[in-house]
């Protein structure tokens, strides 16, 4: 009887230890994914818009972290709405959340992914800046100052 009690006690202790270890697993942004996203922005600009109500914006989001993230939305005081678009087969389509891969980049460039500013509150002019807030699924928001460039501006690097 004493031996059965000892075996039962050891079995219970082993099961309790297994339950405790199972509860210590990491979250999606923890050990299982290898860490967190480390986001920054480069090559941001807005070509001076030709329209009084719409403009485009371009930038590169760099992720030096070990986890992916997603750009979920963009806001700006300069426009009624800002949406992310992609160009597919020559046609512009509004995009939902866009992935920013671990150790990778999400590029917004002419002819590809881009930001669309609708219902501009004023027409940005070359030399000014437009502030945008990038909102991500897991990381904090990023505030970006986009310089307004000539309508014909084409960056040499950064995209």
N, C-alpha and C. Protein backbone atom coordinates (compact mmCIF):
# COMPACT_ATOMS: atom_id res chain seq x y z
N UNK A 1 0.82 -1.19 0.00
CA UNK A 1 0.00 0.00 0.00
C UNK A 1 0.87 1.26 0.00
N UNK A 2 1.92 1.19 0.81
CA UNK A 2 2.79 2.35 0.93
C UNK A 2 3.48 2.63 -0.42
N UNK A 3 3.88 1.55 -1.12
CA UNK A 3 4.53 1.71 -2.40
C UNK A 3 3.58 2.33 -3.42
N UNK A 4 2.30 1.91 -3.45
CA UNK A 4 1.32 2.47 -4.38
C UNK A 4 1.10 3.95 -4.11
N UNK A 5 1.09 4.35 -2.87
CA UNK A 5 0.93 5.75 -2.50
C UNK A 5 2.12 6.57 -3.01
N UNK A 6 3.33 6.01 -2.88
CA UNK A 6 4.53 6.71 -3.34
C UNK A 6 4.51 6.87 -4.85
N UNK A 7 4.09 5.83 -5.59
CA UNK A 7 4.02 5.90 -7.05
C UNK A 7 2.97 6.93 -7.47
N UNK A 8 1.83 6.91 -6.79
CA UNK A 8 0.77 7.87 -7.10
C UNK A 8 1.25 9.29 -6.83
N UNK A 9 1.98 9.52 -5.77
CA UNK A 9 2.49 10.85 -5.44
C UNK A 9 3.51 11.31 -6.49
N UNK A 10 4.40 10.40 -6.92
CA UNK A 10 5.38 10.75 -7.95
C UNK A 10 4.70 11.06 -9.28
N UNK A 11 3.69 10.27 -9.63
CA UNK A 11 2.95 10.50 -10.87
C UNK A 11 2.25 11.86 -10.83
N UNK A 12 1.64 12.19 -9.71
CA UNK A 12 0.96 13.48 -9.56
C UNK A 12 1.96 14.63 -9.66
N UNK A 13 3.13 14.46 -9.05
CA UNK A 13 4.15 15.51 -9.10
C UNK A 13 4.65 15.71 -10.53
N UNK A 14 4.84 14.61 -11.26
CA UNK A 14 5.29 14.72 -12.66
C UNK A 14 4.25 15.42 -13.52
N UNK A 15 2.97 15.07 -13.32
CA UNK A 15 1.91 15.73 -14.09
C UNK A 15 1.83 17.21 -13.75
N UNK A 16 1.96 17.56 -12.50
CA UNK A 16 1.92 18.97 -12.10
C UNK A 16 3.07 19.74 -12.74
N UNK A 17 4.26 19.13 -12.77
CA UNK A 17 5.41 19.78 -13.40
C UNK A 17 5.18 20.00 -14.89
N UNK A 18 4.57 19.02 -15.56
CA UNK A 18 4.27 19.14 -16.99
C UNK A 18 3.30 20.29 -17.23
N UNK A 19 2.27 20.39 -16.39
CA UNK A 19 1.30 21.48 -16.54
C UNK A 19 1.97 22.83 -16.33
N UNK A 20 2.86 22.95 -15.35
CA UNK A 20 3.55 24.21 -15.10
C UNK A 20 4.44 24.58 -16.27
N UNK A 21 5.18 23.62 -16.83
CA UNK A 21 6.05 23.91 -17.96
C UNK A 21 5.25 24.31 -19.20
N UNK A 22 4.12 23.67 -19.42
CA UNK A 22 3.27 24.01 -20.55
C UNK A 22 2.78 25.45 -20.44
N UNK A 23 2.49 25.92 -19.24
CA UNK A 23 2.01 27.28 -19.03
C UNK A 23 3.08 28.33 -19.24
N UNK A 24 4.37 27.93 -19.38
CA UNK A 24 5.46 28.89 -19.53
C UNK A 24 5.79 29.19 -20.99
N UNK A 25 5.04 28.67 -21.94
CA UNK A 25 5.33 28.90 -23.36
C UNK A 25 5.25 30.36 -23.72
N UNK A 26 5.99 30.77 -24.80
CA UNK A 26 6.01 32.16 -25.22
C UNK A 26 4.78 32.53 -26.02
N UNK A 27 4.58 33.81 -26.19
CA UNK A 27 3.46 34.31 -27.01
C UNK A 27 3.96 34.52 -28.44
N UNK A 28 3.09 34.99 -29.30
CA UNK A 28 3.47 35.21 -30.70
C UNK A 28 4.59 36.24 -30.82
N UNK A 29 4.70 37.13 -29.87
CA UNK A 29 5.77 38.12 -29.94
C UNK A 29 6.93 37.76 -29.01
N UNK A 30 6.88 36.57 -28.43
CA UNK A 30 7.92 36.19 -27.49
C UNK A 30 8.85 35.15 -28.08
N UNK A 31 9.19 34.15 -27.27
CA UNK A 31 10.21 33.17 -27.63
C UNK A 31 9.87 32.38 -28.88
N UNK A 32 8.61 32.04 -29.10
CA UNK A 32 8.25 31.22 -30.26
C UNK A 32 8.54 31.93 -31.57
N UNK A 33 8.36 33.23 -31.62
CA UNK A 33 8.61 33.96 -32.86
C UNK A 33 10.03 34.49 -32.93
N UNK A 34 10.81 34.27 -31.86
CA UNK A 34 12.20 34.70 -31.89
C UNK A 34 12.42 36.13 -31.45
N UNK A 35 11.43 36.83 -30.97
CA UNK A 35 11.62 38.20 -30.51
C UNK A 35 10.54 39.13 -31.00
N UNK A 36 10.94 40.39 -31.20
CA UNK A 36 9.99 41.42 -31.61
C UNK A 36 10.43 42.06 -32.92
N UNK A 37 9.48 42.71 -33.55
CA UNK A 37 9.79 43.51 -34.74
C UNK A 37 10.52 44.77 -34.27
N UNK A 38 11.47 45.24 -35.08
CA UNK A 38 12.17 46.50 -34.83
C UNK A 38 12.02 47.33 -36.09
N UNK A 39 11.03 48.22 -36.08
CA UNK A 39 10.64 48.93 -37.29
C UNK A 39 11.21 50.34 -37.36
N UNK A 40 11.57 50.73 -38.57
CA UNK A 40 11.98 52.10 -38.85
C UNK A 40 11.54 52.42 -40.28
N UNK A 41 11.61 53.71 -40.63
CA UNK A 41 11.15 54.15 -41.95
C UNK A 41 12.28 54.92 -42.63
N UNK A 42 12.43 54.67 -43.93
CA UNK A 42 13.40 55.42 -44.72
C UNK A 42 12.76 55.82 -46.04
N UNK A 43 13.41 56.73 -46.73
CA UNK A 43 13.03 57.14 -48.09
C UNK A 43 11.58 57.61 -48.22
N UNK A 44 11.06 58.28 -47.20
CA UNK A 44 9.68 58.76 -47.25
C UNK A 44 9.59 60.05 -48.07
N UNK A 45 8.58 60.13 -48.94
CA UNK A 45 8.33 61.37 -49.66
C UNK A 45 6.94 61.35 -50.29
N UNK A 46 6.47 62.54 -50.61
CA UNK A 46 5.21 62.73 -51.33
C UNK A 46 5.52 63.61 -52.54
N UNK A 47 5.24 63.13 -53.75
CA UNK A 47 5.37 64.02 -54.90
C UNK A 47 4.32 65.12 -54.78
N UNK A 48 4.68 66.36 -55.13
CA UNK A 48 3.70 67.44 -55.07
C UNK A 48 2.48 67.03 -55.90
N UNK A 49 1.31 66.99 -55.27
CA UNK A 49 0.12 66.53 -55.99
C UNK A 49 -0.32 67.51 -57.07
N UNK A 50 -0.86 66.96 -58.15
CA UNK A 50 -1.42 67.80 -59.20
C UNK A 50 -2.89 68.09 -58.92
N UNK A 51 -3.50 67.26 -58.09
CA UNK A 51 -4.90 67.41 -57.72
C UNK A 51 -5.02 68.16 -56.40
N UNK A 52 -6.12 68.87 -56.22
CA UNK A 52 -6.38 69.54 -54.94
C UNK A 52 -6.92 68.59 -53.89
N UNK A 53 -7.36 67.38 -54.30
CA UNK A 53 -8.03 66.49 -53.36
C UNK A 53 -7.30 65.17 -53.10
N UNK A 54 -6.34 64.79 -53.97
CA UNK A 54 -5.67 63.50 -53.81
C UNK A 54 -4.16 63.64 -53.96
N UNK A 55 -3.43 62.73 -53.28
CA UNK A 55 -1.98 62.69 -53.40
C UNK A 55 -1.51 61.27 -53.14
N UNK A 56 -0.29 60.99 -53.54
CA UNK A 56 0.33 59.69 -53.28
C UNK A 56 1.50 59.88 -52.33
N UNK A 57 1.88 58.81 -51.66
CA UNK A 57 3.02 58.84 -50.76
C UNK A 57 3.81 57.55 -50.87
N UNK A 58 5.13 57.68 -50.66
CA UNK A 58 6.01 56.53 -50.81
C UNK A 58 6.99 56.49 -49.65
N UNK A 59 7.39 55.29 -49.24
CA UNK A 59 8.34 55.10 -48.15
C UNK A 59 8.74 53.64 -48.10
N UNK A 60 9.74 53.35 -47.28
CA UNK A 60 10.16 51.98 -47.03
C UNK A 60 10.14 51.73 -45.53
N UNK A 61 9.46 50.67 -45.12
CA UNK A 61 9.45 50.26 -43.72
C UNK A 61 10.45 49.11 -43.58
N UNK A 62 11.43 49.31 -42.71
CA UNK A 62 12.50 48.33 -42.50
C UNK A 62 12.26 47.65 -41.16
N UNK A 63 12.37 46.32 -41.14
CA UNK A 63 12.21 45.54 -39.92
C UNK A 63 13.52 44.81 -39.65
N UNK A 64 14.27 45.25 -38.64
CA UNK A 64 15.52 44.60 -38.27
C UNK A 64 15.31 43.57 -37.17
N UNK A 65 14.06 43.36 -36.77
CA UNK A 65 13.75 42.44 -35.69
C UNK A 65 13.56 41.01 -36.14
N UNK A 66 13.35 40.14 -35.15
CA UNK A 66 13.20 38.71 -35.39
C UNK A 66 11.76 38.27 -35.60
N UNK A 67 10.81 39.20 -35.55
CA UNK A 67 9.40 38.84 -35.73
C UNK A 67 8.79 39.73 -36.81
N UNK A 68 7.86 39.17 -37.55
CA UNK A 68 7.16 39.96 -38.56
C UNK A 68 6.12 40.84 -37.88
N UNK A 69 5.64 41.81 -38.60
CA UNK A 69 4.53 42.65 -38.14
C UNK A 69 3.68 42.98 -39.35
N UNK A 70 2.61 43.70 -39.15
CA UNK A 70 1.73 44.10 -40.25
C UNK A 70 1.36 45.56 -40.12
N UNK A 71 1.45 46.27 -41.22
CA UNK A 71 0.95 47.64 -41.29
C UNK A 71 -0.56 47.50 -41.45
N UNK A 72 -1.32 48.00 -40.47
CA UNK A 72 -2.77 47.82 -40.50
C UNK A 72 -3.50 49.05 -41.01
N UNK A 73 -2.94 50.24 -40.79
CA UNK A 73 -3.58 51.46 -41.28
C UNK A 73 -2.61 52.63 -41.22
N UNK A 74 -3.00 53.70 -41.89
CA UNK A 74 -2.20 54.93 -41.92
C UNK A 74 -3.16 56.10 -41.73
N UNK A 75 -2.77 57.07 -40.93
CA UNK A 75 -3.59 58.27 -40.73
C UNK A 75 -2.72 59.50 -40.92
N UNK A 76 -3.38 60.62 -41.24
CA UNK A 76 -2.68 61.89 -41.39
C UNK A 76 -3.68 63.02 -41.21
N UNK A 77 -3.26 64.07 -40.52
CA UNK A 77 -4.09 65.26 -40.37
C UNK A 77 -4.24 66.01 -41.68
N UNK A 78 -3.39 65.69 -42.68
CA UNK A 78 -3.42 66.39 -43.95
C UNK A 78 -4.55 65.93 -44.88
N UNK A 79 -5.18 64.79 -44.54
CA UNK A 79 -6.19 64.22 -45.44
C UNK A 79 -7.34 63.62 -44.65
N UNK A 80 -8.49 63.54 -45.31
CA UNK A 80 -9.64 62.89 -44.69
C UNK A 80 -9.42 61.41 -44.48
N UNK A 81 -8.70 60.78 -45.41
CA UNK A 81 -8.34 59.37 -45.26
C UNK A 81 -7.04 59.07 -45.99
N UNK A 82 -6.34 58.08 -45.49
CA UNK A 82 -5.13 57.58 -46.13
C UNK A 82 -5.27 56.06 -46.20
N UNK A 83 -5.09 55.52 -47.40
CA UNK A 83 -5.20 54.08 -47.58
C UNK A 83 -3.96 53.55 -48.28
N UNK A 84 -3.63 52.32 -47.98
CA UNK A 84 -2.52 51.64 -48.66
C UNK A 84 -3.09 50.95 -49.89
N UNK A 85 -2.38 51.07 -50.99
CA UNK A 85 -2.79 50.43 -52.25
C UNK A 85 -1.62 49.63 -52.81
N UNK A 86 -1.97 48.65 -53.62
CA UNK A 86 -0.97 47.94 -54.41
C UNK A 86 -1.42 47.99 -55.86
N UNK A 87 -0.47 47.89 -56.75
CA UNK A 87 -0.78 47.88 -58.17
C UNK A 87 -0.64 46.44 -58.68
N UNK A 88 -1.73 45.91 -59.20
CA UNK A 88 -1.75 44.53 -59.69
C UNK A 88 -2.20 44.56 -61.15
N UNK A 89 -1.33 44.12 -62.04
CA UNK A 89 -1.67 44.12 -63.46
C UNK A 89 -2.03 45.49 -64.00
N UNK A 90 -1.35 46.52 -63.50
CA UNK A 90 -1.62 47.87 -63.96
C UNK A 90 -2.84 48.52 -63.32
N UNK A 91 -3.51 47.80 -62.41
CA UNK A 91 -4.70 48.32 -61.74
C UNK A 91 -4.42 48.55 -60.26
N UNK A 92 -4.82 49.72 -59.77
CA UNK A 92 -4.65 50.06 -58.37
C UNK A 92 -5.75 49.40 -57.54
N UNK A 93 -5.35 48.70 -56.46
CA UNK A 93 -6.31 48.05 -55.56
C UNK A 93 -6.00 48.43 -54.12
N UNK A 94 -7.04 48.73 -53.36
CA UNK A 94 -6.82 49.01 -51.94
C UNK A 94 -6.37 47.73 -51.26
N UNK A 95 -5.37 47.84 -50.40
CA UNK A 95 -4.82 46.69 -49.70
C UNK A 95 -5.31 46.70 -48.26
N UNK A 96 -5.45 45.52 -47.69
CA UNK A 96 -5.73 45.41 -46.26
C UNK A 96 -4.41 45.56 -45.52
N UNK A 97 -4.22 44.76 -44.50
CA UNK A 97 -2.96 44.77 -43.77
C UNK A 97 -1.85 44.26 -44.67
N UNK A 98 -0.68 44.90 -44.58
CA UNK A 98 0.48 44.51 -45.39
C UNK A 98 1.59 44.02 -44.47
N UNK A 99 2.15 42.87 -44.80
CA UNK A 99 3.19 42.25 -43.97
C UNK A 99 4.51 43.00 -44.07
N UNK A 100 5.16 43.10 -42.92
CA UNK A 100 6.53 43.61 -42.83
C UNK A 100 7.34 42.43 -42.28
N UNK A 101 8.03 41.70 -43.16
CA UNK A 101 8.69 40.46 -42.72
C UNK A 101 9.85 40.73 -41.75
N UNK A 102 10.12 39.73 -40.90
CA UNK A 102 11.28 39.80 -40.02
C UNK A 102 12.53 39.94 -40.89
N UNK A 103 13.43 40.80 -40.49
CA UNK A 103 14.66 41.06 -41.24
C UNK A 103 14.37 41.39 -42.70
N UNK A 104 13.30 42.13 -42.94
CA UNK A 104 12.92 42.47 -44.31
C UNK A 104 12.38 43.88 -44.42
N UNK A 105 11.75 44.15 -45.57
CA UNK A 105 11.25 45.49 -45.85
C UNK A 105 9.88 45.41 -46.51
N UNK A 106 9.10 46.45 -46.29
CA UNK A 106 7.85 46.68 -47.02
C UNK A 106 8.08 47.98 -47.78
N UNK A 107 8.08 47.90 -49.10
CA UNK A 107 8.43 49.04 -49.95
C UNK A 107 7.18 49.62 -50.60
N UNK A 108 7.04 50.94 -50.50
CA UNK A 108 5.99 51.69 -51.20
C UNK A 108 6.72 52.52 -52.24
N UNK A 109 6.48 52.25 -53.54
CA UNK A 109 7.17 52.97 -54.60
C UNK A 109 6.23 53.18 -55.78
N UNK A 110 6.60 54.10 -56.63
CA UNK A 110 5.79 54.38 -57.82
C UNK A 110 5.66 53.12 -58.65
N UNK A 111 4.42 52.79 -59.03
CA UNK A 111 4.16 51.59 -59.81
C UNK A 111 3.91 50.35 -58.97
N UNK A 112 4.03 50.46 -57.65
CA UNK A 112 3.83 49.31 -56.76
C UNK A 112 2.97 49.71 -55.59
N UNK A 113 3.30 49.20 -54.40
CA UNK A 113 2.59 49.62 -53.19
C UNK A 113 2.75 51.13 -53.05
N UNK A 114 1.69 51.80 -52.61
CA UNK A 114 1.76 53.24 -52.39
C UNK A 114 0.65 53.66 -51.42
N UNK A 115 0.80 54.84 -50.87
CA UNK A 115 -0.23 55.41 -50.00
C UNK A 115 -1.05 56.39 -50.82
N UNK A 116 -2.35 56.38 -50.63
CA UNK A 116 -3.25 57.33 -51.29
C UNK A 116 -3.88 58.23 -50.22
N UNK A 117 -3.65 59.52 -50.37
CA UNK A 117 -4.23 60.53 -49.50
C UNK A 117 -5.47 61.07 -50.20
N UNK A 118 -6.64 60.87 -49.62
CA UNK A 118 -7.89 61.36 -50.20
C UNK A 118 -8.46 62.49 -49.35
N UNK A 119 -9.20 63.37 -49.99
CA UNK A 119 -9.84 64.50 -49.32
C UNK A 119 -8.78 65.36 -48.61
N UNK A 120 -7.77 65.79 -49.38
CA UNK A 120 -6.73 66.65 -48.82
C UNK A 120 -7.34 67.89 -48.19
N UNK A 121 -6.83 68.28 -47.03
CA UNK A 121 -7.34 69.47 -46.35
C UNK A 121 -6.70 70.73 -46.92
N UNK A 122 -5.51 70.59 -47.52
CA UNK A 122 -4.85 71.65 -48.28
C UNK A 122 -3.89 70.96 -49.24
N UNK A 123 -3.56 71.61 -50.31
CA UNK A 123 -2.67 71.01 -51.31
C UNK A 123 -1.22 71.19 -50.87
N UNK A 124 -0.53 70.10 -50.52
CA UNK A 124 0.87 70.22 -50.12
C UNK A 124 1.75 70.74 -51.26
N UNK A 125 2.70 71.59 -50.91
CA UNK A 125 3.61 72.20 -51.90
C UNK A 125 5.03 71.70 -51.66
N UNK A 126 5.80 71.65 -52.74
CA UNK A 126 7.19 71.25 -52.66
C UNK A 126 7.90 72.05 -51.57
N UNK A 127 8.69 71.36 -50.75
CA UNK A 127 9.41 72.01 -49.65
C UNK A 127 8.69 71.87 -48.31
N UNK A 128 7.40 71.57 -48.32
CA UNK A 128 6.66 71.35 -47.08
C UNK A 128 6.83 69.90 -46.65
N UNK A 129 6.29 69.56 -45.48
CA UNK A 129 6.26 68.17 -45.03
C UNK A 129 4.83 67.80 -44.66
N UNK A 130 4.53 66.52 -44.80
CA UNK A 130 3.23 65.97 -44.41
C UNK A 130 3.51 64.89 -43.36
N UNK A 131 2.82 64.97 -42.23
CA UNK A 131 3.02 64.00 -41.16
C UNK A 131 2.02 62.86 -41.31
N UNK A 132 2.52 61.62 -41.19
CA UNK A 132 1.65 60.44 -41.21
C UNK A 132 1.95 59.60 -39.99
N UNK A 133 0.94 58.87 -39.55
CA UNK A 133 1.09 57.90 -38.46
C UNK A 133 0.86 56.52 -39.07
N UNK A 134 1.86 55.65 -38.91
CA UNK A 134 1.75 54.27 -39.38
C UNK A 134 1.34 53.42 -38.19
N UNK A 135 0.29 52.63 -38.36
CA UNK A 135 -0.25 51.80 -37.28
C UNK A 135 0.01 50.33 -37.61
N UNK A 136 0.56 49.61 -36.63
CA UNK A 136 0.96 48.22 -36.82
C UNK A 136 0.18 47.29 -35.90
N UNK A 137 0.10 46.03 -36.29
CA UNK A 137 -0.64 45.03 -35.51
C UNK A 137 0.00 44.79 -34.15
N UNK A 138 1.33 44.79 -34.08
CA UNK A 138 2.00 44.41 -32.83
C UNK A 138 2.92 45.50 -32.28
N UNK A 139 3.54 46.27 -33.13
CA UNK A 139 4.47 47.31 -32.68
C UNK A 139 3.70 48.59 -32.40
N UNK A 140 4.36 49.52 -31.79
CA UNK A 140 3.73 50.82 -31.58
C UNK A 140 3.62 51.59 -32.88
N UNK A 141 2.90 52.69 -32.85
CA UNK A 141 2.74 53.54 -34.03
C UNK A 141 4.07 54.23 -34.35
N UNK A 142 4.27 54.51 -35.63
CA UNK A 142 5.44 55.29 -36.07
C UNK A 142 4.94 56.58 -36.69
N UNK A 143 5.51 57.69 -36.25
CA UNK A 143 5.19 59.01 -36.81
C UNK A 143 6.28 59.34 -37.83
N UNK A 144 5.87 59.69 -39.03
CA UNK A 144 6.81 59.92 -40.12
C UNK A 144 6.54 61.28 -40.75
N UNK A 145 7.61 62.05 -40.97
CA UNK A 145 7.52 63.32 -41.68
C UNK A 145 7.89 63.05 -43.14
N UNK A 146 6.94 63.25 -44.05
CA UNK A 146 7.18 63.04 -45.48
C UNK A 146 7.45 64.37 -46.14
N UNK A 147 8.65 64.57 -46.65
CA UNK A 147 8.91 65.81 -47.39
C UNK A 147 8.16 65.78 -48.72
N UNK A 148 7.63 66.92 -49.12
CA UNK A 148 6.95 67.04 -50.41
C UNK A 148 8.01 67.41 -51.44
N UNK A 149 8.13 66.57 -52.44
CA UNK A 149 9.14 66.74 -53.50
C UNK A 149 8.45 67.21 -54.78
N UNK A 150 9.25 67.52 -55.79
CA UNK A 150 8.70 67.90 -57.09
C UNK A 150 7.82 66.76 -57.62
N UNK A 151 6.83 67.10 -58.40
CA UNK A 151 5.90 66.10 -58.94
C UNK A 151 6.64 65.05 -59.78
N UNK A 152 7.78 65.41 -60.34
CA UNK A 152 8.54 64.50 -61.19
C UNK A 152 9.67 63.79 -60.44
N UNK A 153 9.76 63.97 -59.13
CA UNK A 153 10.84 63.39 -58.33
C UNK A 153 10.86 61.87 -58.46
N UNK A 154 12.04 61.31 -58.64
CA UNK A 154 12.23 59.86 -58.69
C UNK A 154 13.48 59.54 -57.89
N UNK A 155 13.33 58.82 -56.76
CA UNK A 155 14.48 58.55 -55.90
C UNK A 155 15.48 57.63 -56.59
N UNK A 156 16.78 57.88 -56.33
CA UNK A 156 17.82 57.02 -56.89
C UNK A 156 18.01 55.76 -56.05
N UNK A 157 17.84 55.88 -54.73
CA UNK A 157 18.03 54.75 -53.83
C UNK A 157 16.93 54.74 -52.80
N UNK A 158 16.91 53.69 -51.98
CA UNK A 158 15.96 53.63 -50.86
C UNK A 158 14.77 52.75 -51.15
N UNK A 159 14.48 52.47 -52.39
CA UNK A 159 13.35 51.60 -52.70
C UNK A 159 13.87 50.41 -53.44
